[in-house]
Amino acid sequence: EVAFDRDLKRRNGLQEAVYHRIKADFDLGAQAAVRTIKK
């Protein structure tokens, strides 16, 4: 949703915007959050 609303389709830009958020909100590990963003 963040990628679509803010047109962040590249990994570096999207990871900077959502990494800490999804890691905390969904209790993901660091690598799990990175793999999810890449997906």
PDB file of all heavy atoms in Angstrom:
ATOM      1  N   GLU A   1       0.832  -1.208   0.000  1.00  0.00           N
ATOM      2  CA  GLU A   1       0.000   0.000   0.000  1.00  0.00           C
ATOM      3  C   GLU A   1       0.863   1.254   0.000  1.00  0.00           C
ATOM      4  O   GLU A   1       0.568   2.225  -0.709  1.00  0.00           O
ATOM      5  CB  GLU A   1      -0.928  -0.017   1.212  1.00  0.00           C
ATOM      6  CG  GLU A   1      -2.004  -1.095   1.145  1.00  0.00           C
ATOM      7  CD  GLU A   1      -2.873  -1.117   2.381  1.00  0.00           C
ATOM      8  OE1 GLU A   1      -2.626  -0.274   3.288  1.00  0.00           O
ATOM      9  OE2 GLU A   1      -3.804  -1.949   2.456  1.00  0.00           O
ATOM     10  N   VAL A   2       1.924   1.241   0.780  1.00  0.00           N
ATOM     11  CA  VAL A   2       2.835   2.387   0.791  1.00  0.00           C
ATOM     12  C   VAL A   2       3.526   2.529  -0.567  1.00  0.00           C
ATOM     13  O   VAL A   2       3.659   3.638  -1.097  1.00  0.00           O
ATOM     14  CB  VAL A   2       3.878   2.225   1.915  1.00  0.00           C
ATOM     15  CG1 VAL A   2       4.905   3.358   1.861  1.00  0.00           C
ATOM     16  CG2 VAL A   2       3.187   2.194   3.275  1.00  0.00           C
ATOM     17  N   ALA A   3       3.941   1.415  -1.141  1.00  0.00           N
ATOM     18  CA  ALA A   3       4.595   1.463  -2.450  1.00  0.00           C
ATOM     19  C   ALA A   3       3.664   2.041  -3.506  1.00  0.00           C
ATOM     20  O   ALA A   3       4.101   2.808  -4.374  1.00  0.00           O
ATOM     21  CB  ALA A   3       5.051   0.064  -2.851  1.00  0.00           C
ATOM     22  N   PHE A   4       2.392   1.690  -3.442  1.00  0.00           N
ATOM     23  CA  PHE A   4       1.426   2.178  -4.436  1.00  0.00           C
ATOM     24  C   PHE A   4       1.093   3.651  -4.198  1.00  0.00           C
ATOM     25  O   PHE A   4       1.089   4.450  -5.143  1.00  0.00           O
ATOM     26  CB  PHE A   4       0.162   1.332  -4.372  1.00  0.00           C
ATOM     27  CG  PHE A   4      -0.893   1.732  -5.353  1.00  0.00           C
ATOM     28  CD1 PHE A   4      -0.818   1.326  -6.674  1.00  0.00           C
ATOM     29  CD2 PHE A   4      -1.958   2.542  -4.964  1.00  0.00           C
ATOM     30  CE1 PHE A   4      -1.788   1.701  -7.592  1.00  0.00           C
ATOM     31  CE2 PHE A   4      -2.936   2.928  -5.874  1.00  0.00           C
ATOM     32  CZ  PHE A   4      -2.844   2.506  -7.188  1.00  0.00           C
ATOM     33  N   ASP A   5       0.822   4.020  -2.956  1.00  0.00           N
ATOM     34  CA  ASP A   5       0.407   5.397  -2.657  1.00  0.00           C
ATOM     35  C   ASP A   5       1.524   6.403  -2.891  1.00  0.00           C
ATOM     36  O   ASP A   5       1.283   7.507  -3.364  1.00  0.00           O
ATOM     37  CB  ASP A   5      -0.077   5.490  -1.207  1.00  0.00           C
ATOM     38  CG  ASP A   5      -1.353   4.689  -0.967  1.00  0.00           C
ATOM     39  OD1 ASP A   5      -2.070   4.414  -1.945  1.00  0.00           O
ATOM     40  OD2 ASP A   5      -1.622   4.335   0.201  1.00  0.00           O
ATOM     41  N   ARG A   6       2.761   6.009  -2.586  1.00  0.00           N
ATOM     42  CA  ARG A   6       3.885   6.940  -2.689  1.00  0.00           C
ATOM     43  C   ARG A   6       4.787   6.650  -3.879  1.00  0.00           C
ATOM     44  O   ARG A   6       5.826   7.290  -4.040  1.00  0.00           O
ATOM     45  CB  ARG A   6       4.688   6.901  -1.385  1.00  0.00           C
ATOM     46  CG  ARG A   6       3.868   7.317  -0.177  1.00  0.00           C
ATOM     47  CD  ARG A   6       4.582   7.060   1.144  1.00  0.00           C
ATOM     48  NE  ARG A   6       5.869   7.730   1.220  1.00  0.00           N
ATOM     49  CZ  ARG A   6       6.664   7.692   2.298  1.00  0.00           C
ATOM     50  NH1 ARG A   6       6.270   7.013   3.369  1.00  0.00           N
ATOM     51  NH2 ARG A   6       7.815   8.319   2.295  1.00  0.00           N
ATOM     52  N   ASP A   7       4.369   5.716  -4.715  1.00  0.00           N
ATOM     53  CA  ASP A   7       5.121   5.355  -5.923  1.00  0.00           C
ATOM     54  C   ASP A   7       6.570   4.994  -5.573  1.00  0.00           C
ATOM     55  O   ASP A   7       7.522   5.484  -6.186  1.00  0.00           O
ATOM     56  CB  ASP A   7       5.087   6.494  -6.950  1.00  0.00           C
ATOM     57  CG  ASP A   7       5.552   6.024  -8.338  1.00  0.00           C
ATOM     58  OD1 ASP A   7       5.459   4.806  -8.610  1.00  0.00           O
ATOM     59  OD2 ASP A   7       6.012   6.870  -9.127  1.00  0.00           O
ATOM     60  N   LEU A   8       6.710   4.102  -4.596  1.00  0.00           N
ATOM     61  CA  LEU A   8       8.023   3.623  -4.183  1.00  0.00           C
ATOM     62  C   LEU A   8       8.149   2.165  -4.611  1.00  0.00           C
ATOM     63  O   LEU A   8       7.894   1.251  -3.831  1.00  0.00           O
ATOM     64  CB  LEU A   8       8.202   3.762  -2.667  1.00  0.00           C
ATOM     65  CG  LEU A   8       8.165   5.194  -2.110  1.00  0.00           C
ATOM     66  CD1 LEU A   8       8.214   5.167  -0.589  1.00  0.00           C
ATOM     67  CD2 LEU A   8       9.324   6.023  -2.664  1.00  0.00           C
ATOM     68  N   LYS A   9       8.520   1.951  -5.834  1.00  0.00           N
ATOM     69  CA  LYS A   9       8.581   0.596  -6.372  1.00  0.00           C
ATOM     70  C   LYS A   9       9.997   0.017  -6.353  1.00  0.00           C
ATOM     71  O   LYS A   9      10.178  -1.164  -6.633  1.00  0.00           O
ATOM     72  CB  LYS A   9       8.071   0.581  -7.821  1.00  0.00           C
ATOM     73  CG  LYS A   9       6.725   1.262  -8.012  1.00  0.00           C
ATOM     74  CD  LYS A   9       5.617   0.584  -7.241  1.00  0.00           C
ATOM     75  CE  LYS A   9       4.308   1.345  -7.322  1.00  0.00           C
ATOM     76  NZ  LYS A   9       3.851   1.618  -8.679  1.00  0.00           N
ATOM     77  N   ARG A  10      10.979   0.840  -6.006  1.00  0.00           N
ATOM     78  CA  ARG A  10      12.351   0.352  -5.926  1.00  0.00           C
ATOM     79  C   ARG A  10      12.676  -0.047  -4.493  1.00  0.00           C
ATOM     80  O   ARG A  10      12.178   0.534  -3.531  1.00  0.00           O
ATOM     81  CB  ARG A  10      13.339   1.402  -6.430  1.00  0.00           C
ATOM     82  CG  ARG A  10      13.183   1.702  -7.916  1.00  0.00           C
ATOM     83  CD  ARG A  10      14.247   2.674  -8.386  1.00  0.00           C
ATOM     84  NE  ARG A  10      14.132   2.937  -9.813  1.00  0.00           N
ATOM     85  CZ  ARG A  10      14.682   2.199 -10.755  1.00  0.00           C
ATOM     86  NH1 ARG A  10      15.408   1.154 -10.420  1.00  0.00           N
ATOM     87  NH2 ARG A  10      14.534   2.497 -12.023  1.00  0.00           N
ATOM     88  N   ARG A  11      13.562  -1.015  -4.373  1.00  0.00           N
ATOM     89  CA  ARG A  11      13.807  -1.623  -3.064  1.00  0.00           C
ATOM     90  C   ARG A  11      14.352  -0.627  -2.044  1.00  0.00           C
ATOM     91  O   ARG A  11      13.882  -0.568  -0.902  1.00  0.00           O
ATOM     92  CB  ARG A  11      14.767  -2.797  -3.225  1.00  0.00           C
ATOM     93  CG  ARG A  11      15.124  -3.479  -1.923  1.00  0.00           C
ATOM     94  CD  ARG A  11      16.054  -4.648  -2.164  1.00  0.00           C
ATOM     95  NE  ARG A  11      16.546  -5.227  -0.928  1.00  0.00           N
ATOM     96  CZ  ARG A  11      17.390  -6.235  -0.862  1.00  0.00           C
ATOM     97  NH1 ARG A  11      17.833  -6.781  -1.977  1.00  0.00           N
ATOM     98  NH2 ARG A  11      17.801  -6.691   0.308  1.00  0.00           N
ATOM     99  N   ASN A  12      15.343   0.172  -2.435  1.00  0.00           N
ATOM    100  CA  ASN A  12      15.960   1.082  -1.468  1.00  0.00           C
ATOM    101  C   ASN A  12      14.967   2.108  -0.937  1.00  0.00           C
ATOM    102  O   ASN A  12      14.907   2.371   0.275  1.00  0.00           O
ATOM    103  CB  ASN A  12      17.163   1.786  -2.098  1.00  0.00           C
ATOM    104  CG  ASN A  12      18.320   0.843  -2.341  1.00  0.00           C
ATOM    105  OD1 ASN A  12      18.401  -0.227  -1.739  1.00  0.00           O
ATOM    106  ND2 ASN A  12      19.229   1.220  -3.233  1.00  0.00           N
ATOM    107  N   GLY A  13      14.180   2.681  -1.830  1.00  0.00           N
ATOM    108  CA  GLY A  13      13.209   3.687  -1.403  1.00  0.00           C
ATOM    109  C   GLY A  13      12.118   3.105  -0.517  1.00  0.00           C
ATOM    110  O   GLY A  13      11.743   3.687   0.510  1.00  0.00           O
ATOM    111  N   LEU A  14      11.607   1.928  -0.907  1.00  0.00           N
ATOM    112  CA  LEU A  14      10.539   1.317  -0.116  1.00  0.00           C
ATOM    113  C   LEU A  14      11.072   0.822   1.224  1.00  0.00           C
ATOM    114  O   LEU A  14      10.389   0.937   2.250  1.00  0.00           O
ATOM    115  CB  LEU A  14       9.925   0.159  -0.909  1.00  0.00           C
ATOM    116  CG  LEU A  14       8.746  -0.545  -0.247  1.00  0.00           C
ATOM    117  CD1 LEU A  14       7.602   0.423   0.021  1.00  0.00           C
ATOM    118  CD2 LEU A  14       8.264  -1.708  -1.110  1.00  0.00           C
ATOM    119  N   GLN A  15      12.266   0.284   1.234  1.00  0.00           N
ATOM    120  CA  GLN A  15      12.819  -0.215   2.494  1.00  0.00           C
ATOM    121  C   GLN A  15      13.030   0.923   3.483  1.00  0.00           C
ATOM    122  O   GLN A  15      12.772   0.768   4.687  1.00  0.00           O
ATOM    123  CB  GLN A  15      14.148  -0.929   2.217  1.00  0.00           C
ATOM    124  CG  GLN A  15      14.781  -1.558   3.452  1.00  0.00           C
ATOM    125  CD  GLN A  15      15.905  -2.502   3.096  1.00  0.00           C
ATOM    126  OE1 GLN A  15      15.808  -3.255   2.140  1.00  0.00           O
ATOM    127  NE2 GLN A  15      16.980  -2.465   3.874  1.00  0.00           N
ATOM    128  N   GLU A  16      13.464   2.058   3.005  1.00  0.00           N
ATOM    129  CA  GLU A  16      13.648   3.210   3.890  1.00  0.00           C
ATOM    130  C   GLU A  16      12.322   3.682   4.477  1.00  0.00           C
ATOM    131  O   GLU A  16      12.268   4.147   5.621  1.00  0.00           O
ATOM    132  CB  GLU A  16      14.319   4.351   3.119  1.00  0.00           C
ATOM    133  CG  GLU A  16      14.619   5.583   3.952  1.00  0.00           C
ATOM    134  CD  GLU A  16      15.316   6.666   3.160  1.00  0.00           C
ATOM    135  OE1 GLU A  16      15.689   6.408   1.994  1.00  0.00           O
ATOM    136  OE2 GLU A  16      15.489   7.773   3.700  1.00  0.00           O
ATOM    137  N   ALA A  17      11.238   3.520   3.708  1.00  0.00           N
ATOM    138  CA  ALA A  17       9.943   4.029   4.152  1.00  0.00           C
ATOM    139  C   ALA A  17       9.211   3.076   5.099  1.00  0.00           C
ATOM    140  O   ALA A  17       8.486   3.532   5.989  1.00  0.00           O
ATOM    141  CB  ALA A  17       9.064   4.327   2.939  1.00  0.00           C
ATOM    142  N   VAL A  18       9.383   1.756   4.923  1.00  0.00           N
ATOM    143  CA  VAL A  18       8.515   0.830   5.668  1.00  0.00           C
ATOM    144  C   VAL A  18       9.268  -0.173   6.538  1.00  0.00           C
ATOM    145  O   VAL A  18       8.630  -0.916   7.296  1.00  0.00           O
ATOM    146  CB  VAL A  18       7.609   0.043   4.694  1.00  0.00           C
ATOM    147  CG1 VAL A  18       6.777   0.990   3.844  1.00  0.00           C
ATOM    148  CG2 VAL A  18       8.428  -0.896   3.799  1.00  0.00           C
ATOM    149  N   TYR A  19      10.581  -0.221   6.458  1.00  0.00           N
ATOM    150  CA  TYR A  19      11.320  -1.278   7.167  1.00  0.00           C
ATOM    151  C   TYR A  19      11.016  -1.296   8.660  1.00  0.00           C
ATOM    152  O   TYR A  19      10.598  -2.324   9.217  1.00  0.00           O
ATOM    153  CB  TYR A  19      12.822  -1.106   6.927  1.00  0.00           C
ATOM    154  CG  TYR A  19      13.682  -2.010   7.776  1.00  0.00           C
ATOM    155  CD1 TYR A  19      13.845  -3.350   7.452  1.00  0.00           C
ATOM    156  CD2 TYR A  19      14.327  -1.518   8.923  1.00  0.00           C
ATOM    157  CE1 TYR A  19      14.631  -4.186   8.229  1.00  0.00           C
ATOM    158  CE2 TYR A  19      15.119  -2.348   9.703  1.00  0.00           C
ATOM    159  CZ  TYR A  19      15.258  -3.672   9.355  1.00  0.00           C
ATOM    160  OH  TYR A  19      16.020  -4.497  10.141  1.00  0.00           O
ATOM    161  N   HIS A  20      11.209  -0.199   9.327  1.00  0.00           N
ATOM    162  CA  HIS A  20      11.016  -0.164  10.779  1.00  0.00           C
ATOM    163  C   HIS A  20       9.548  -0.374  11.141  1.00  0.00           C
ATOM    164  O   HIS A  20       9.242  -0.993  12.172  1.00  0.00           O
ATOM    165  CB  HIS A  20      11.524   1.161  11.341  1.00  0.00           C
ATOM    166  CG  HIS A  20      13.013   1.329  11.216  1.00  0.00           C
ATOM    167  ND1 HIS A  20      13.910   0.628  11.993  1.00  0.00           N
ATOM    168  CD2 HIS A  20      13.757   2.115  10.380  1.00  0.00           C
ATOM    169  CE1 HIS A  20      15.151   0.972  11.668  1.00  0.00           C
ATOM    170  NE2 HIS A  20      15.081   1.865  10.679  1.00  0.00           N
ATOM    171  N   ARG A  21       8.667   0.114  10.302  1.00  0.00           N
ATOM    172  CA  ARG A  21       7.237  -0.016  10.592  1.00  0.00           C
ATOM    173  C   ARG A  21       6.786  -1.464  10.570  1.00  0.00           C
ATOM    174  O   ARG A  21       6.167  -1.934  11.522  1.00  0.00           O
ATOM    175  CB  ARG A  21       6.428   0.820   9.591  1.00  0.00           C
ATOM    176  CG  ARG A  21       4.932   0.593   9.681  1.00  0.00           C
ATOM    177  CD  ARG A  21       4.198   1.300   8.557  1.00  0.00           C
ATOM    178  NE  ARG A  21       2.842   0.826   8.421  1.00  0.00           N
ATOM    179  CZ  ARG A  21       2.022   1.187   7.440  1.00  0.00           C
ATOM    180  NH1 ARG A  21       2.455   2.039   6.509  1.00  0.00           N
ATOM    181  NH2 ARG A  21       0.804   0.712   7.367  1.00  0.00           N
ATOM    182  N   ILE A  22       7.076  -2.184   9.490  1.00  0.00           N
ATOM    183  CA  ILE A  22       6.576  -3.559   9.412  1.00  0.00           C
ATOM    184  C   ILE A  22       7.345  -4.471  10.364  1.00  0.00           C
ATOM    185  O   ILE A  22       6.798  -5.464  10.872  1.00  0.00           O
ATOM    186  CB  ILE A  22       6.652  -4.099   7.963  1.00  0.00           C
ATOM    187  CG1 ILE A  22       8.111  -4.208   7.481  1.00  0.00           C
ATOM    188  CG2 ILE A  22       5.841  -3.229   7.016  1.00  0.00           C
ATOM    189  CD1 ILE A  22       8.253  -4.908   6.140  1.00  0.00           C
ATOM    190  N   LYS A  23       8.594  -4.133  10.646  1.00  0.00           N
ATOM    191  CA  LYS A  23       9.366  -4.927  11.600  1.00  0.00           C
ATOM    192  C   LYS A  23       8.751  -4.854  12.991  1.00  0.00           C
ATOM    193  O   LYS A  23       8.666  -5.868  13.707  1.00  0.00           O
ATOM    194  CB  LYS A  23      10.808  -4.438  11.618  1.00  0.00           C
ATOM    195  CG  LYS A  23      11.777  -5.293  12.436  1.00  0.00           C
ATOM    196  CD  LYS A  23      13.200  -4.794  12.231  1.00  0.00           C
ATOM    197  CE  LYS A  23      14.188  -5.632  13.045  1.00  0.00           C
ATOM    198  NZ  LYS A  23      14.034  -5.415  14.480  1.00  0.00           N
ATOM    199  N   ALA A  24       8.280  -3.660  13.375  1.00  0.00           N
ATOM    200  CA  ALA A  24       7.684  -3.491  14.692  1.00  0.00           C
ATOM    201  C   ALA A  24       6.225  -3.946  14.729  1.00  0.00           C
ATOM    202  O   ALA A  24       5.802  -4.630  15.669  1.00  0.00           O
ATOM    203  CB  ALA A  24       7.790  -2.025  15.120  1.00  0.00           C
ATOM    204  N   ASP A  25       5.452  -3.595  13.708  1.00  0.00           N
ATOM    205  CA  ASP A  25       4.013  -3.897  13.721  1.00  0.00           C
ATOM    206  C   ASP A  25       3.741  -5.389  13.599  1.00  0.00           C
ATOM    207  O   ASP A  25       2.759  -5.886  14.158  1.00  0.00           O
ATOM    208  CB  ASP A  25       3.300  -3.148  12.590  1.00  0.00           C
ATOM    209  CG  ASP A  25       3.274  -1.644  12.825  1.00  0.00           C
ATOM    210  OD1 ASP A  25       3.655  -1.214  13.932  1.00  0.00           O
ATOM    211  OD2 ASP A  25       2.897  -0.910  11.889  1.00  0.00           O
ATOM    212  N   PHE A  26       4.578  -6.115  12.868  1.00  0.00           N
ATOM    213  CA  PHE A  26       4.307  -7.526  12.607  1.00  0.00           C
ATOM    214  C   PHE A  26       5.322  -8.460  13.287  1.00  0.00           C
ATOM    215  O   PHE A  26       5.298  -9.666  13.043  1.00  0.00           O
ATOM    216  CB  PHE A  26       4.295  -7.772  11.100  1.00  0.00           C
ATOM    217  CG  PHE A  26       3.210  -7.011  10.383  1.00  0.00           C
ATOM    218  CD1 PHE A  26       3.480  -5.781   9.798  1.00  0.00           C
ATOM    219  CD2 PHE A  26       1.925  -7.513  10.309  1.00  0.00           C
ATOM    220  CE1 PHE A  26       2.489  -5.071   9.138  1.00  0.00           C
ATOM    221  CE2 PHE A  26       0.923  -6.808   9.653  1.00  0.00           C
ATOM    222  CZ  PHE A  26       1.203  -5.583   9.076  1.00  0.00           C
ATOM    223  N   ASP A  27       6.173  -7.892  14.107  1.00  0.00           N
ATOM    224  CA  ASP A  27       7.140  -8.675  14.889  1.00  0.00           C
ATOM    225  C   ASP A  27       8.004  -9.551  13.981  1.00  0.00           C
ATOM    226  O   ASP A  27       8.201 -10.740  14.236  1.00  0.00           O
ATOM    227  CB  ASP A  27       6.403  -9.532  15.924  1.00  0.00           C
ATOM    228  CG  ASP A  27       7.344 -10.053  17.007  1.00  0.00           C
ATOM    229  OD1 ASP A  27       8.408  -9.439  17.192  1.00  0.00           O
ATOM    230  OD2 ASP A  27       7.034 -11.078  17.631  1.00  0.00           O
ATOM    231  N   LEU A  28       8.515  -8.934  12.936  1.00  0.00           N
ATOM    232  CA  LEU A  28       9.383  -9.652  11.999  1.00  0.00           C
ATOM    233  C   LEU A  28      10.837  -9.482  12.390  1.00  0.00           C
ATOM    234  O   LEU A  28      11.231  -8.454  12.960  1.00  0.00           O
ATOM    235  CB  LEU A  28       9.170  -9.138  10.570  1.00  0.00           C
ATOM    236  CG  LEU A  28       7.786  -9.295   9.949  1.00  0.00           C
ATOM    237  CD1 LEU A  28       7.803  -8.765   8.528  1.00  0.00           C
ATOM    238  CD2 LEU A  28       7.338 -10.740   9.970  1.00  0.00           C
ATOM    239  N   GLY A  29      11.650 -10.480  12.058  1.00  0.00           N
ATOM    240  CA  GLY A  29      13.085 -10.331  12.186  1.00  0.00           C
ATOM    241  C   GLY A  29      13.622  -9.404  11.115  1.00  0.00           C
ATOM    242  O   GLY A  29      12.932  -9.059  10.141  1.00  0.00           O
ATOM    243  N   ALA A  30      14.874  -8.998  11.263  1.00  0.00           N
ATOM    244  CA  ALA A  30      15.462  -8.047  10.322  1.00  0.00           C
ATOM    245  C   ALA A  30      15.481  -8.610   8.904  1.00  0.00           C
ATOM    246  O   ALA A  30      15.048  -7.956   7.949  1.00  0.00           O
ATOM    247  CB  ALA A  30      16.873  -7.677  10.775  1.00  0.00           C
ATOM    248  N   GLN A  31      15.963  -9.848   8.753  1.00  0.00           N
ATOM    249  CA  GLN A  31      16.039 -10.433   7.425  1.00  0.00           C
ATOM    250  C   GLN A  31      14.651 -10.733   6.860  1.00  0.00           C
ATOM    251  O   GLN A  31      14.429 -10.627   5.653  1.00  0.00           O
ATOM    252  CB  GLN A  31      16.875 -11.711   7.447  1.00  0.00           C
ATOM    253  CG  GLN A  31      18.364 -11.457   7.597  1.00  0.00           C
ATOM    254  CD  GLN A  31      18.901 -10.554   6.513  1.00  0.00           C
ATOM    255  OE1 GLN A  31      19.388  -9.448   6.800  1.00  0.00           O
ATOM    256  NE2 GLN A  31      18.817 -10.991   5.274  1.00  0.00           N
ATOM    257  N   ALA A  32      13.716 -11.120   7.715  1.00  0.00           N
ATOM    258  CA  ALA A  32      12.356 -11.370   7.237  1.00  0.00           C
ATOM    259  C   ALA A  32      11.728 -10.097   6.695  1.00  0.00           C
ATOM    260  O   ALA A  32      11.025 -10.119   5.672  1.00  0.00           O
ATOM    261  CB  ALA A  32      11.509 -11.946   8.368  1.00  0.00           C
ATOM    262  N   ALA A  33      11.970  -8.974   7.350  1.00  0.00           N
ATOM    263  CA  ALA A  33      11.441  -7.700   6.862  1.00  0.00           C
ATOM    264  C   ALA A  33      12.070  -7.331   5.523  1.00  0.00           C
ATOM    265  O   ALA A  33      11.380  -6.872   4.603  1.00  0.00           O
ATOM    266  CB  ALA A  33      11.694  -6.601   7.894  1.00  0.00           C
ATOM    267  N   VAL A  34      13.381  -7.554   5.385  1.00  0.00           N
ATOM    268  CA  VAL A  34      14.065  -7.238   4.128  1.00  0.00           C
ATOM    269  C   VAL A  34      13.551  -8.123   2.995  1.00  0.00           C
ATOM    270  O   VAL A  34      13.280  -7.649   1.878  1.00  0.00           O
ATOM    271  CB  VAL A  34      15.584  -7.402   4.306  1.00  0.00           C
ATOM    272  CG1 VAL A  34      16.295  -7.305   2.954  1.00  0.00           C
ATOM    273  CG2 VAL A  34      16.128  -6.354   5.257  1.00  0.00           C
ATOM    274  N   ARG A  35      13.393  -9.436   3.254  1.00  0.00           N
ATOM    275  CA  ARG A  35      12.889 -10.347   2.217  1.00  0.00           C
ATOM    276  C   ARG A  35      11.459  -9.997   1.827  1.00  0.00           C
ATOM    277  O   ARG A  35      11.068 -10.117   0.657  1.00  0.00           O
ATOM    278  CB  ARG A  35      12.941 -11.784   2.706  1.00  0.00           C
ATOM    279  CG  ARG A  35      14.308 -12.376   2.949  1.00  0.00           C
ATOM    280  CD  ARG A  35      15.137 -12.403   1.682  1.00  0.00           C
ATOM    281  NE  ARG A  35      16.099 -11.312   1.648  1.00  0.00           N
ATOM    282  CZ  ARG A  35      16.769 -10.929   0.607  1.00  0.00           C
ATOM    283  NH1 ARG A  35      16.582 -11.526  -0.552  1.00  0.00           N
ATOM    284  NH2 ARG A  35      17.625  -9.935   0.667  1.00  0.00           N
ATOM    285  N   THR A  36      10.653  -9.575   2.807  1.00  0.00           N
ATOM    286  CA  THR A  36       9.266  -9.209   2.511  1.00  0.00           C
ATOM    287  C   THR A  36       9.208  -7.972   1.625  1.00  0.00           C
ATOM    288  O   THR A  36       8.417  -7.907   0.668  1.00  0.00           O
ATOM    289  CB  THR A  36       8.501  -8.970   3.821  1.00  0.00           C
ATOM    290  OG1 THR A  36       8.512 -10.166   4.605  1.00  0.00           O
ATOM    291  CG2 THR A  36       7.065  -8.563   3.548  1.00  0.00           C
ATOM    292  N   ILE A  37      10.040  -6.990   1.910  1.00  0.00           N
ATOM    293  CA  ILE A  37      10.070  -5.782   1.084  1.00  0.00           C
ATOM    294  C   ILE A  37      10.534  -6.114  -0.334  1.00  0.00           C
ATOM    295  O   ILE A  37       9.981  -5.604  -1.315  1.00  0.00           O
ATOM    296  CB  ILE A  37      10.991  -4.731   1.741  1.00  0.00           C
ATOM    297  CG1 ILE A  37      10.372  -4.246   3.059  1.00  0.00           C
ATOM    298  CG2 ILE A  37      11.240  -3.566   0.803  1.00  0.00           C
ATOM    299  CD1 ILE A  37      11.298  -3.408   3.900  1.00  0.00           C
ATOM    300  N   LYS A  38      11.520  -6.964  -0.436  1.00  0.00           N
ATOM    301  CA  LYS A  38      11.988  -7.365  -1.765  1.00  0.00           C
ATOM    302  C   LYS A  38      10.891  -8.098  -2.525  1.00  0.00           C
ATOM    303  O   LYS A  38      10.740  -7.936  -3.750  1.00  0.00           O
ATOM    304  CB  LYS A  38      13.229  -8.251  -1.652  1.00  0.00           C
ATOM    305  CG  LYS A  38      13.820  -8.653  -3.004  1.00  0.00           C
ATOM    306  CD  LYS A  38      15.060  -9.497  -2.831  1.00  0.00           C
ATOM    307  CE  LYS A  38      15.679  -9.840  -4.195  1.00  0.00           C
ATOM    308  NZ  LYS A  38      14.775 -10.629  -5.038  1.00  0.00           N
ATOM    309  N   LYS A  39      10.101  -8.917  -1.824  1.00  0.00           N
ATOM    310  CA  LYS A  39       9.003  -9.614  -2.483  1.00  0.00           C
ATOM    311  C   LYS A  39       8.000  -8.627  -3.065  1.00  0.00           C
ATOM    312  O   LYS A  39       7.474  -8.826  -4.176  1.00  0.00           O
ATOM    313  CB  LYS A  39       8.321 -10.556  -1.484  1.00  0.00           C
ATOM    314  CG  LYS A  39       7.138 -11.308  -2.063  1.00  0.00           C
ATOM    315  CD  LYS A  39       6.643 -12.396  -1.133  1.00  0.00           C
ATOM    316  CE  LYS A  39       5.858 -11.851   0.021  1.00  0.00           C
ATOM    317  NZ  LYS A  39       5.173 -12.935   0.790  1.00  0.00           N
TER     318      LYS A  39
END
